[in-house]
Amino acid sequence: MDGTFIISDGSKNSFIDKVVPQLGLTVIIAHDLRKDEMIGEFVKQIFAGSAIKKLIIPVSLGQPGNNHIGLKIGLYIRFSDKSGVDPMIPIVFLSNRSLETLLLEQADRFALLAVTPGCVLVNEDAEALSMETAALKPPPFKALIPQILDKLLIDRPETTGPHSLANEWGALRLDAITKVNALTAADLAFQRKETLYFQYQAARNRAISLAGHPGSGSLTAPQVIRAVGKKVLYIDDEGYKGWVSILKKLLPNSFFTEITGQGLSEDAFFAAIRAQIRQDWDLILLDLRLLPLIEDVQGRVLPIGIYSGTIILQEIKTINPGTQVIIFTASNKAWNLKELIELGADGYFVKESPEYLIPDTLSLYHYDIFKAQAEECFRKNYLRKMYNDHQMAIAKNTFPNPDFLSYSEAGLHRSFEFVQKGLWEAAYLNYFQIIEKYAEVCFEPTQLSTTDPTGEVRGGNNKHTRSIKRDSSDLVNGPFFEKKRSPENITFHTTLPKLSFIMAFKFNRSDAELKRLGAVVFKRNKVAHPGPVTVTIQELFEFIDLIDFFRANV
């Protein structure tokens, strides 16, 4: 049988010794294969050195006896994507035990492979072995999912919960789909890659991708995230399993800091988190479940609001609602994701789980969404500063009018909400209402007896006339007022002359600053009426500076 090989553990076996010369078989010696990663490497080696067309594998190889190592070799072949390995090669399993016995004697159910297309179970009979081997044909690729992979039962490790499983599988998938090749032998996800369960799920994922999305196996690598100079904090109890390595590659030239649960008690872990979230970050990547022993229980569903990650999210947003946070979660339930956004998350990324296999094209699409979210969060880093500037302005309350202080504080909160929602024009008008209110308060005689509507400033028994004049020469930024030495009657019916007078004589501002004030009022009129107008973030910060100035009354 040209090209037919038989695997032996090298021990004395009268049947193998008999059929090798009788059927013209080539022997491959298998040594200690008790660990999964050894089997994967063995499969790669035998195909690299031999032109194998068919393979005969004893179900049991080595010690202890009655093991299923031979079946595991067959499974690794079917699941393989290694170069040179033919996953569809015909496989004959050799055993004097029946299929029923093999299924009952151990809980692994690996023997189901023997009754899938391209495989056969034969007892130790030379004639039967010869006939079955000669007749066996490789299965068609279209049979891989429905007739082979879907017929197998490969259980996940009993010691690994759904959350941990998604952390390991999700890291492998993200590393593969982005092609950053960040994982190394030091990462637990990389170590899991060669286990039978992960090989099984990887084979299913590839088959789904190739069957439903032709060409997905040749996806080009997506771009990394633009993060130069950005400060990123990553919080994940199991981030050390591979996520830290991958995210550092996906966020090149960023200032990346991670907090993982590795080597920390629960108290120390959360103390480190609460210390770091008070720092200034362009983006925080936060895992939803930070207490897996409590939150990662099979079959147990907790309300989204009581997960440890959600609680930390709320603490972050309480400190500064402008801090950008993307939640990492293994949950793909739409209502959970919707609630996370309602609770203040600025985005989310679903860690892939082997329980819900996703084609490569869809995985890449999800990554591209995450990439866009991260870059949008970086773009919105002005929100943190805006919130801090608002708080500093609110802290200044020396202006002697409680109504204005209350009005301006509420207005600042409202403006921040508008900016968060991208309603910059509404924020512009709302900020303007605050300074308009200030002008009205200042020109009420009961509030500031030192000014009157004619533009006069009185001091002691002397009367000094100070005036401002209107200048309409600026056709781009609109009219403004400037200081004038000679007396001139000014009517203070509108905001611009009131504010100009206050800025000129109460705060001794220059004509250039009064001109800028005229541009602010002119733009307010354009924003308030239909038509194209662009509000910049810098213009909004200028309002905050003014309001801070007015509240301080300096």
Protein backbone atom coordinates (compact mmCIF):
# COMPACT_ATOMS: atom_id res chain seq x y z
CA MET A 1 0.00 0.00 0.00
CA ASP A 2 2.06 2.86 -1.34
CA GLY A 3 1.76 5.99 0.81
CA THR A 4 0.01 4.19 3.68
CA PHE A 5 1.64 4.72 7.07
CA ILE A 6 0.95 3.16 10.46
CA ILE A 7 1.76 4.73 13.82
CA SER A 8 3.36 2.61 16.53
CA ASP A 9 4.51 3.42 20.04
CA GLY A 10 7.58 1.24 19.51
CA SER A 11 6.52 -1.47 21.92
CA LYS A 12 6.27 -5.14 20.95
CA ASN A 13 3.01 -5.64 19.03
CA SER A 14 2.61 -8.91 17.17
CA PHE A 15 -0.22 -7.64 14.98
CA ILE A 16 1.65 -4.56 13.79
CA ASP A 17 4.81 -6.62 13.30
CA LYS A 18 2.74 -8.94 11.09
CA VAL A 19 0.83 -6.44 8.92
CA VAL A 20 3.66 -4.01 8.26
CA PRO A 21 5.50 -6.31 5.81
CA GLN A 22 2.31 -8.05 4.69
CA LEU A 23 0.59 -4.82 3.60
CA GLY A 24 3.69 -2.86 2.76
CA LEU A 25 3.16 -0.22 5.44
CA THR A 26 5.61 2.42 6.61
CA VAL A 27 5.97 2.74 10.39
CA ILE A 28 6.01 6.05 12.26
CA ILE A 29 7.17 5.81 15.86
CA ALA A 30 5.24 7.89 18.40
CA HIS A 31 6.89 8.47 21.74
CA ASP A 32 5.37 10.16 24.81
CA LEU A 33 2.22 12.00 23.63
CA ARG A 34 0.34 12.46 26.89
CA LYS A 35 0.20 16.26 26.57
CA ASP A 36 -1.91 17.94 23.91
CA GLU A 37 0.82 20.26 22.66
CA MET A 38 3.06 17.20 22.09
CA ILE A 39 0.42 15.66 19.84
CA GLY A 40 0.08 18.83 17.79
CA GLU A 41 3.82 19.00 17.26
CA PHE A 42 3.94 15.27 16.42
CA VAL A 43 1.29 15.68 13.70
CA LYS A 44 3.22 18.56 12.17
CA GLN A 45 6.45 16.53 12.16
CA ILE A 46 5.08 13.36 10.55
CA PHE A 47 3.56 15.25 7.64
CA ALA A 48 6.67 17.35 7.19
CA GLY A 49 8.84 14.29 6.67
CA SER A 50 6.53 11.89 4.83
CA ALA A 51 4.29 11.77 1.75
CA ILE A 52 1.32 10.34 3.61
CA LYS A 53 -1.75 9.35 1.60
CA LYS A 54 -3.49 7.22 4.23
CA LEU A 55 -2.85 6.72 7.92
CA ILE A 56 -3.49 3.78 10.26
CA ILE A 57 -3.54 4.72 13.94
CA PRO A 58 -4.00 2.34 16.91
CA VAL A 59 -6.61 3.83 19.25
CA SER A 60 -4.35 3.19 22.23
CA LEU A 61 -0.68 4.21 22.18
CA GLY A 62 1.79 3.98 25.04
CA GLN A 63 0.97 3.78 28.73
CA PRO A 64 -1.31 3.54 30.54
CA GLY A 65 -3.19 1.10 28.38
CA ASN A 66 -6.66 1.58 26.94
CA ASN A 67 -6.00 5.29 26.39
CA HIS A 68 -7.39 7.27 23.46
CA ILE A 69 -4.17 8.95 22.33
CA GLY A 70 -4.57 7.52 18.82
CA LEU A 71 -8.02 9.10 18.55
CA LYS A 72 -6.58 12.43 19.68
CA ILE A 73 -3.94 12.21 16.93
CA GLY A 74 -6.77 11.78 14.43
CA LEU A 75 -8.61 14.75 15.88
CA TYR A 76 -5.52 16.95 15.69
CA ILE A 77 -5.14 16.02 12.02
CA ARG A 78 -8.74 16.95 11.25
CA PHE A 79 -8.40 20.23 13.15
CA SER A 80 -4.99 21.20 11.78
CA ASP A 81 -4.16 24.30 9.77
CA LYS A 82 -0.43 23.60 9.86
CA SER A 83 1.48 23.92 6.62
CA GLY A 84 1.90 20.54 4.95
CA VAL A 85 -0.70 18.75 7.07
CA ASP A 86 -3.62 17.30 5.09
CA PRO A 87 -6.65 17.54 7.42
CA MET A 88 -8.81 15.46 5.06
CA ILE A 89 -6.49 12.44 4.83
CA PRO A 90 -8.23 9.01 5.22
CA ILE A 91 -7.67 7.61 8.74
CA VAL A 92 -8.10 3.98 9.85
CA PHE A 93 -8.39 3.50 13.61
CA LEU A 94 -7.21 0.14 14.87
CA SER A 95 -8.79 -1.46 17.97
CA ASN A 96 -10.31 -4.72 19.15
CA ARG A 97 -12.74 -2.73 21.28
CA SER A 98 -16.10 -1.83 19.77
CA LEU A 99 -17.27 1.71 19.20
CA GLU A 100 -19.75 1.34 22.04
CA THR A 101 -16.99 0.22 24.40
CA LEU A 102 -14.74 3.11 23.38
CA LEU A 103 -17.53 5.59 24.01
CA LEU A 104 -18.42 4.14 27.38
CA GLU A 105 -14.99 3.45 28.83
CA GLN A 106 -13.97 7.11 28.91
CA ALA A 107 -15.90 10.36 29.12
CA ASP A 108 -14.10 12.08 26.24
CA ARG A 109 -16.25 10.69 23.34
CA PHE A 110 -13.30 11.06 20.96
CA ALA A 111 -14.36 7.77 19.34
CA LEU A 112 -17.14 9.60 17.49
CA LEU A 113 -14.47 10.62 14.97
CA ALA A 114 -14.19 6.99 13.85
CA VAL A 115 -17.69 7.05 12.35
CA THR A 116 -17.33 10.31 10.42
CA PRO A 117 -16.56 10.47 6.66
CA GLY A 118 -12.94 9.65 5.85
CA CYS A 119 -12.48 7.50 8.98
CA VAL A 120 -13.19 3.88 9.90
CA LEU A 121 -12.77 1.69 12.99
CA VAL A 122 -11.23 -1.73 12.26
CA ASN A 123 -10.32 -4.59 14.61
CA GLU A 124 -6.98 -6.37 14.50
CA ASP A 125 -7.64 -8.50 11.43
CA ALA A 126 -5.18 -8.23 8.56
CA GLU A 127 -7.71 -8.98 5.82
CA ALA A 128 -10.29 -6.53 7.20
CA LEU A 129 -7.59 -3.91 7.64
CA SER A 130 -6.45 -4.34 4.05
CA MET A 131 -9.95 -4.12 2.62
CA GLU A 132 -11.08 -1.15 4.70
CA THR A 133 -7.87 0.79 4.08
CA ALA A 134 -8.04 0.23 0.32
CA ALA A 135 -11.69 1.29 0.16
CA LEU A 136 -11.38 4.39 2.37
CA LYS A 137 -11.51 7.72 0.52
CA PRO A 138 -10.81 11.25 1.77
CA PRO A 139 -13.98 13.15 2.71
CA PRO A 140 -15.00 16.18 0.62
CA PHE A 141 -14.33 19.55 2.20
CA LYS A 142 -18.04 20.38 2.19
CA ALA A 143 -18.53 17.50 4.66
CA LEU A 144 -16.14 19.05 7.20
CA ILE A 145 -18.72 21.10 9.10
CA PRO A 146 -21.99 19.12 8.94
CA GLN A 147 -20.66 15.57 8.85
CA ILE A 148 -17.44 15.80 10.84
CA LEU A 149 -17.00 18.83 13.11
CA ASP A 150 -20.67 19.06 14.05
CA LYS A 151 -20.74 15.36 14.93
CA LEU A 152 -17.94 15.65 17.46
CA LEU A 153 -18.25 16.52 21.13
CA ILE A 154 -15.12 18.20 22.48
CA ASP A 155 -15.81 19.66 25.91
CA ARG A 156 -14.18 22.82 27.21
CA PRO A 157 -11.88 22.40 30.23
CA GLU A 158 -13.95 21.95 33.38
CA THR A 159 -11.77 24.40 35.30
CA THR A 160 -12.31 27.25 32.83
CA GLY A 161 -15.40 29.46 33.18
CA PRO A 162 -17.06 31.31 30.29
CA HIS A 163 -15.35 34.59 31.18
CA SER A 164 -11.87 33.06 31.32
CA LEU A 165 -12.57 31.10 28.17
CA ALA A 166 -13.51 34.27 26.29
CA ASN A 167 -10.38 35.99 27.60
CA GLU A 168 -8.20 33.23 26.15
CA TRP A 169 -10.12 32.55 22.95
CA GLY A 170 -10.84 36.22 22.35
CA ALA A 171 -7.16 37.11 22.62
CA LEU A 172 -6.25 34.42 20.11
CA ARG A 173 -8.91 35.59 17.68
CA LEU A 174 -7.97 39.27 17.92
CA ASP A 175 -4.29 38.43 17.46
CA ALA A 176 -5.12 36.34 14.40
CA ILE A 177 -7.58 38.72 12.76
CA THR A 178 -5.39 41.80 13.20
CA LYS A 179 -2.27 39.88 12.21
CA VAL A 180 -0.17 41.72 14.80
CA ASN A 181 1.34 38.44 16.03
CA ALA A 182 1.70 39.86 19.51
CA LEU A 183 1.22 36.66 21.51
CA THR A 184 4.26 34.81 22.80
CA ALA A 185 4.84 31.68 24.86
CA ALA A 186 4.61 33.85 27.97
CA ASP A 187 0.92 34.58 27.27
CA LEU A 188 -1.59 32.04 28.56
CA ALA A 189 -3.74 32.41 25.45
CA PHE A 190 -0.78 31.36 23.33
CA GLN A 191 -0.27 28.32 25.56
CA ARG A 192 -3.93 27.34 25.15
CA LYS A 193 -3.70 27.54 21.37
CA GLU A 194 -2.46 23.96 20.96
CA THR A 195 -4.95 22.35 23.35
CA LEU A 196 -7.48 20.04 21.75
CA TYR A 197 -10.50 22.18 22.65
CA PHE A 198 -9.00 25.32 21.12
CA GLN A 199 -7.83 23.42 18.04
CA TYR A 200 -11.38 22.10 17.63
CA GLN A 201 -12.95 25.56 17.90
CA ALA A 202 -10.34 27.07 15.59
CA ALA A 203 -11.12 24.43 12.97
CA ARG A 204 -14.84 25.15 13.24
CA ASN A 205 -14.19 28.87 12.97
CA ARG A 206 -12.06 28.45 9.85
CA ALA A 207 -14.60 26.14 8.26
CA ILE A 208 -17.43 28.60 8.93
CA SER A 209 -15.37 31.48 7.56
CA LEU A 210 -14.38 29.65 4.39
CA ALA A 211 -17.80 28.13 3.79
CA GLY A 212 -19.88 31.24 4.36
CA HIS A 213 -17.41 33.94 3.42
CA PRO A 214 -15.16 32.91 0.52
CA GLY A 215 -11.83 34.66 0.55
CA SER A 216 -11.96 35.50 4.24
CA GLY A 217 -8.87 33.42 4.84
CA SER A 218 -6.81 35.96 2.89
CA LEU A 219 -7.90 39.09 4.74
CA THR A 220 -5.42 41.94 4.72
CA ALA A 221 -4.19 43.15 8.07
CA PRO A 222 -6.18 46.13 9.35
CA GLN A 223 -4.43 49.31 10.38
CA VAL A 224 -3.43 49.78 13.99
CA ILE A 225 -5.15 52.43 16.08
CA ARG A 226 -3.80 55.99 15.82
CA ALA A 227 -2.63 56.49 19.39
CA VAL A 228 0.66 58.39 19.28
CA GLY A 229 1.23 60.11 22.61
CA LYS A 230 -2.16 59.07 23.99
CA LYS A 231 -2.48 57.93 27.60
CA VAL A 232 -4.34 54.62 27.81
CA LEU A 233 -5.30 52.70 30.95
CA TYR A 234 -6.31 49.04 30.59
CA ILE A 235 -8.14 47.37 33.50
CA ASP A 236 -8.75 43.63 33.27
CA ASP A 237 -8.35 40.94 35.92
CA GLU A 238 -7.15 38.50 33.24
CA GLY A 239 -5.43 40.93 30.91
CA TYR A 240 -2.17 39.08 31.42
CA LYS A 241 -3.50 36.15 29.39
CA GLY A 242 -2.60 37.94 26.17
CA TRP A 243 -4.68 41.11 25.97
CA VAL A 244 -1.92 43.39 27.25
CA SER A 245 0.48 42.10 24.60
CA ILE A 246 -2.07 42.57 21.80
CA LEU A 247 -3.35 45.99 22.84
CA LYS A 248 0.16 47.37 23.14
CA LYS A 249 0.73 46.34 19.53
CA LEU A 250 -2.62 47.77 18.41
CA LEU A 251 -1.97 51.09 20.20
CA PRO A 252 1.62 51.80 19.12
CA ASN A 253 3.54 54.73 20.62
CA SER A 254 0.89 55.28 23.27
CA PHE A 255 1.57 55.61 26.98
CA PHE A 256 -0.03 52.30 27.90
CA THR A 257 -0.61 51.28 31.52
CA GLU A 258 -2.28 48.07 32.58
CA ILE A 259 -3.81 46.88 35.86
CA THR A 260 -4.40 43.14 35.94
CA GLY A 261 -5.32 40.87 38.79
CA GLN A 262 -2.14 38.84 38.43
CA GLY A 263 -0.45 38.45 41.80
CA LEU A 264 -2.86 40.84 43.56
CA SER A 265 -5.42 40.28 46.25
CA GLU A 266 -8.92 41.56 45.54
CA ASP A 267 -8.40 44.54 47.86
CA ALA A 268 -5.04 45.42 46.32
CA PHE A 269 -6.46 45.05 42.80
CA PHE A 270 -9.33 47.47 43.40
CA ALA A 271 -7.13 49.88 45.38
CA ALA A 272 -4.83 50.09 42.36
CA ILE A 273 -7.81 50.65 40.06
CA ARG A 274 -9.29 53.43 42.20
CA ALA A 275 -5.94 55.18 42.44
CA GLN A 276 -5.39 55.13 38.67
CA ILE A 277 -8.85 56.20 37.52
CA ARG A 278 -8.28 59.55 39.22
CA GLN A 279 -5.39 60.27 36.88
CA ASP A 280 -5.67 61.97 33.50
CA TRP A 281 -6.34 59.39 30.75
CA ASP A 282 -7.24 59.84 27.10
CA LEU A 283 -8.94 56.44 27.15
CA ILE A 284 -9.74 53.76 29.71
CA LEU A 285 -10.34 50.20 28.49
CA LEU A 286 -12.33 48.45 31.21
CA ASP A 287 -13.35 44.82 31.52
CA LEU A 288 -16.93 44.23 32.67
CA ARG A 289 -16.24 41.28 34.98
CA LEU A 290 -13.35 41.93 37.34
CA LEU A 291 -14.40 39.33 39.93
CA PRO A 292 -14.66 36.06 37.98
CA LEU A 293 -15.17 33.83 41.03
CA ILE A 294 -18.39 35.71 41.73
CA GLU A 295 -19.42 36.99 38.30
CA ASP A 296 -18.29 34.13 36.05
CA VAL A 297 -20.58 31.34 37.18
CA GLN A 298 -22.05 29.08 34.48
CA GLY A 299 -25.77 29.65 34.12
CA ARG A 300 -25.85 32.63 36.48
CA VAL A 301 -26.93 35.97 35.01
CA LEU A 302 -26.46 39.14 37.04
CA PRO A 303 -28.08 42.54 36.40
CA ILE A 304 -25.65 44.55 34.31
CA GLY A 305 -25.58 47.36 36.85
CA ILE A 306 -24.00 45.31 39.65
CA TYR A 307 -21.00 43.92 37.76
CA SER A 308 -17.72 45.17 39.21
CA GLY A 309 -16.74 46.77 35.89
CA THR A 310 -20.00 48.69 35.75
CA ILE A 311 -19.43 49.99 39.28
CA ILE A 312 -15.94 51.19 38.31
CA LEU A 313 -17.42 52.80 35.17
CA GLN A 314 -19.83 54.81 37.33
CA GLU A 315 -17.00 55.85 39.63
CA ILE A 316 -14.96 57.06 36.64
CA LYS A 317 -17.88 59.07 35.29
CA THR A 318 -18.51 60.56 38.74
CA ILE A 319 -14.91 61.76 38.94
CA ASN A 320 -15.05 63.22 35.43
CA PRO A 321 -17.88 62.39 33.00
CA GLY A 322 -15.63 63.54 30.16
CA THR A 323 -13.24 60.60 30.65
CA GLN A 324 -13.66 58.21 27.73
CA VAL A 325 -14.33 54.56 28.62
CA ILE A 326 -14.71 51.54 26.34
CA ILE A 327 -16.04 48.40 28.02
CA PHE A 328 -14.61 44.98 27.19
CA THR A 329 -17.15 42.21 27.67
CA ALA A 330 -17.77 38.61 26.70
CA SER A 331 -21.52 39.28 26.57
CA ASN A 332 -22.96 39.83 23.10
CA LYS A 333 -26.52 40.34 24.33
CA ALA A 334 -27.94 43.48 22.76
CA TRP A 335 -29.79 44.60 25.90
CA ASN A 336 -26.57 44.42 27.96
CA LEU A 337 -24.68 46.51 25.43
CA LYS A 338 -27.50 49.07 25.24
CA GLU A 339 -27.56 49.37 29.03
CA LEU A 340 -23.79 49.88 29.16
CA ILE A 341 -24.14 52.88 26.84
CA GLU A 342 -26.98 54.21 28.98
CA LEU A 343 -24.74 53.88 32.05
CA GLY A 344 -22.12 56.11 30.44
CA ALA A 345 -19.83 53.83 28.43
CA ASP A 346 -18.46 55.52 25.31
CA GLY A 347 -18.17 52.23 23.43
CA TYR A 348 -17.77 48.50 23.89
CA PHE A 349 -15.80 45.63 22.45
CA VAL A 350 -17.13 42.07 22.63
CA LYS A 351 -14.47 39.48 23.36
CA GLU A 352 -15.17 36.54 21.12
CA SER A 353 -16.18 33.29 22.77
CA PRO A 354 -15.90 29.80 21.28
CA GLU A 355 -19.53 29.36 22.27
CA TYR A 356 -20.46 31.83 19.50
CA LEU A 357 -18.16 31.35 16.54
CA ILE A 358 -17.79 34.35 14.24
CA PRO A 359 -16.49 34.36 10.63
CA ASP A 360 -13.25 36.21 10.03
CA THR A 361 -14.92 38.96 8.01
CA LEU A 362 -17.33 39.71 10.85
CA SER A 363 -14.50 39.61 13.40
CA LEU A 364 -12.60 42.14 11.32
CA TYR A 365 -15.71 44.31 11.07
CA HIS A 366 -16.05 44.28 14.89
CA TYR A 367 -12.39 45.21 15.26
CA ASP A 368 -12.80 48.11 12.83
CA ILE A 369 -15.71 49.40 14.94
CA PHE A 370 -13.53 49.21 18.05
CA LYS A 371 -10.72 51.01 16.22
CA ALA A 372 -13.12 53.79 15.18
CA GLN A 373 -14.49 54.07 18.73
CA ALA A 374 -11.01 54.35 20.23
CA GLU A 375 -9.96 57.06 17.77
CA GLU A 376 -13.20 58.94 18.41
CA CYS A 377 -12.50 58.77 22.15
CA PHE A 378 -9.05 60.23 21.54
CA ARG A 379 -10.64 63.03 19.51
CA LYS A 380 -12.99 63.82 22.40
CA ASN A 381 -10.20 64.31 24.93
CA TYR A 382 -11.34 67.96 25.20
CA LEU A 383 -14.28 66.76 27.32
CA ARG A 384 -12.07 66.01 30.32
CA LYS A 385 -10.53 69.48 30.26
CA MET A 386 -13.91 71.12 29.68
CA TYR A 387 -15.40 69.39 32.72
CA ASN A 388 -12.41 70.35 34.87
CA ASP A 389 -12.58 73.97 33.68
CA HIS A 390 -16.30 74.03 34.51
CA GLN A 391 -15.59 72.75 38.01
CA MET A 392 -12.89 75.37 38.54
CA ALA A 393 -15.27 78.10 37.37
CA ILE A 394 -18.03 76.84 39.65
CA ALA A 395 -15.60 76.89 42.59
CA LYS A 396 -15.23 80.66 42.11
CA ASN A 397 -18.22 82.29 43.77
CA THR A 398 -17.12 85.72 44.89
CA PHE A 399 -19.43 87.64 42.54
CA PRO A 400 -21.99 89.28 44.88
CA ASN A 401 -25.13 87.95 43.24
CA PRO A 402 -26.40 84.50 44.28
CA ASP A 403 -28.91 84.36 41.43
CA PHE A 404 -26.17 84.74 38.81
CA LEU A 405 -23.97 82.19 40.56
CA SER A 406 -26.81 79.67 40.58
CA TYR A 407 -27.84 80.48 37.01
CA SER A 408 -24.30 80.19 35.64
CA GLU A 409 -23.62 76.91 37.48
CA ALA A 410 -26.75 75.32 36.04
CA GLY A 411 -25.86 76.73 32.62
CA LEU A 412 -22.39 75.24 32.74
CA HIS A 413 -23.81 71.81 33.53
CA ARG A 414 -26.32 72.14 30.70
CA SER A 415 -23.66 73.28 28.22
CA PHE A 416 -21.47 70.29 29.07
CA GLU A 417 -24.37 67.95 28.34
CA PHE A 418 -24.86 69.65 24.97
CA VAL A 419 -21.16 69.24 24.11
CA GLN A 420 -21.22 65.58 25.16
CA LYS A 421 -24.03 65.01 22.68
CA GLY A 422 -22.20 66.89 19.92
CA LEU A 423 -24.62 69.83 20.03
CA TRP A 424 -21.96 72.53 19.91
CA GLU A 425 -24.26 75.20 18.51
CA ALA A 426 -26.69 74.68 21.40
CA ALA A 427 -23.78 74.88 23.84
CA TYR A 428 -22.62 78.14 22.21
CA LEU A 429 -26.05 79.72 22.69
CA ASN A 430 -26.30 78.42 26.24
CA TYR A 431 -22.90 79.82 27.19
CA PHE A 432 -23.91 83.13 25.63
CA GLN A 433 -27.03 83.24 27.78
CA ILE A 434 -24.79 83.08 30.85
CA ILE A 435 -22.70 86.10 29.87
CA GLU A 436 -25.88 87.86 28.75
CA LYS A 437 -27.30 87.27 32.20
CA TYR A 438 -24.15 88.71 33.72
CA ALA A 439 -24.52 91.90 31.68
CA GLU A 440 -28.14 92.28 32.77
CA VAL A 441 -27.23 91.83 36.43
CA CYS A 442 -24.36 94.31 36.24
CA PHE A 443 -26.57 97.03 34.76
CA GLU A 444 -29.22 96.85 37.43
CA PRO A 445 -28.69 99.81 39.78
CA THR A 446 -29.24 97.66 42.83
CA GLN A 447 -26.38 95.37 41.76
CA LEU A 448 -23.68 97.83 40.68
CA SER A 449 -24.25 101.42 41.79
CA THR A 450 -20.99 102.47 40.13
CA THR A 451 -22.44 102.32 36.60
CA ASP A 452 -25.47 103.80 34.99
CA PRO A 453 -27.08 103.41 31.53
CA THR A 454 -25.38 106.58 30.20
CA GLY A 455 -21.95 105.05 30.51
CA GLU A 456 -20.86 107.20 33.41
CA VAL A 457 -18.75 105.95 36.27
CA ARG A 458 -19.14 107.81 39.55
CA GLY A 459 -16.53 107.87 42.27
CA GLY A 460 -16.86 109.84 45.48
CA ASN A 461 -18.09 113.38 44.89
CA ASN A 462 -16.47 113.60 41.50
CA LYS A 463 -18.13 112.64 38.21
CA HIS A 464 -15.86 111.18 35.48
CA THR A 465 -17.42 110.51 32.13
CA ARG A 466 -16.14 107.41 30.32
CA SER A 467 -17.50 106.34 26.96
CA ILE A 468 -17.28 103.63 24.35
CA LYS A 469 -18.10 104.06 20.70
CA ARG A 470 -19.50 101.66 18.14
CA ASP A 471 -17.23 100.61 15.26
CA SER A 472 -18.89 98.87 12.28
CA SER A 473 -15.80 98.65 10.10
CA ASP A 474 -15.21 94.89 10.61
CA LEU A 475 -17.42 93.23 8.00
CA VAL A 476 -16.23 89.70 8.84
CA ASN A 477 -16.58 89.56 12.62
CA GLY A 478 -19.24 92.23 13.02
CA PRO A 479 -19.46 95.53 14.91
CA PHE A 480 -17.68 96.10 18.23
CA PHE A 481 -17.10 98.84 20.76
CA GLU A 482 -13.89 100.54 21.75
CA LYS A 483 -12.90 103.05 24.38
CA LYS A 484 -13.39 106.77 23.66
CA ARG A 485 -12.10 109.69 25.65
CA SER A 486 -14.71 112.26 24.73
CA PRO A 487 -18.24 111.98 26.15
CA GLU A 488 -20.81 110.29 23.99
CA ASN A 489 -24.29 109.20 24.87
CA ILE A 490 -24.58 105.39 24.64
CA THR A 491 -27.85 103.50 24.89
CA PHE A 492 -27.32 100.19 26.74
CA HIS A 493 -30.28 98.24 25.46
CA THR A 494 -28.36 95.23 24.07
CA THR A 495 -25.76 92.81 25.37
CA LEU A 496 -22.80 94.00 23.30
CA PRO A 497 -22.56 97.59 24.61
CA LYS A 498 -23.23 96.41 28.17
CA LEU A 499 -20.51 93.75 28.07
CA SER A 500 -18.13 96.07 26.24
CA PHE A 501 -18.55 98.77 28.87
CA ILE A 502 -18.04 96.29 31.70
CA MET A 503 -14.96 94.78 30.12
CA ALA A 504 -13.52 98.20 29.22
CA PHE A 505 -13.98 99.99 32.52
CA LYS A 506 -14.64 97.44 35.24
CA PHE A 507 -11.93 95.02 34.08
CA ASN A 508 -9.78 97.50 32.08
CA ARG A 509 -9.63 95.30 28.97
CA SER A 510 -7.99 96.49 25.74
CA ASP A 511 -9.68 97.47 22.50
CA ALA A 512 -8.41 94.24 20.91
CA GLU A 513 -10.31 92.27 23.57
CA LEU A 514 -13.42 94.34 23.01
CA LYS A 515 -13.15 93.60 19.30
CA ARG A 516 -13.01 89.88 20.08
CA LEU A 517 -16.12 90.29 22.24
CA GLY A 518 -17.89 91.88 19.28
CA ALA A 519 -17.05 88.82 17.18
CA VAL A 520 -18.55 86.55 19.87
CA VAL A 521 -21.83 88.44 19.82
CA PHE A 522 -21.86 88.60 16.03
CA LYS A 523 -21.40 84.85 15.80
CA ARG A 524 -24.11 84.28 18.38
CA ASN A 525 -26.56 86.01 16.05
CA LYS A 526 -25.48 83.77 13.17
CA VAL A 527 -25.74 80.59 15.28
CA ALA A 528 -29.21 81.57 16.47
CA HIS A 529 -30.56 81.87 12.93
CA PRO A 530 -30.78 79.30 10.12
CA GLY A 531 -27.76 78.98 7.90
CA PRO A 532 -24.33 77.34 7.78
CA VAL A 533 -22.09 78.20 10.71
CA THR A 534 -19.22 76.33 12.37
CA VAL A 535 -18.63 76.44 16.10
CA THR A 536 -15.16 75.41 17.26
CA ILE A 537 -14.20 73.84 20.56
CA GLN A 538 -11.79 76.73 21.16
CA GLU A 539 -14.69 79.20 20.99
CA LEU A 540 -16.52 77.22 23.66
CA PHE A 541 -13.46 77.28 25.92
CA GLU A 542 -13.31 81.07 25.50
CA PHE A 543 -16.82 81.27 26.95
CA ILE A 544 -15.74 79.18 29.93
CA ASP A 545 -12.82 81.58 30.55
CA LEU A 546 -15.22 84.52 30.52
CA ILE A 547 -17.69 82.88 32.88
CA ASP A 548 -14.85 81.89 35.21
CA PHE A 549 -13.72 85.53 35.12
CA PHE A 550 -17.19 86.88 35.86
CA ARG A 551 -17.87 84.46 38.74
CA ALA A 552 -14.51 85.36 40.32
CA ASN A 553 -15.40 89.10 40.05
CA VAL A 554 -11.71 90.05 39.82
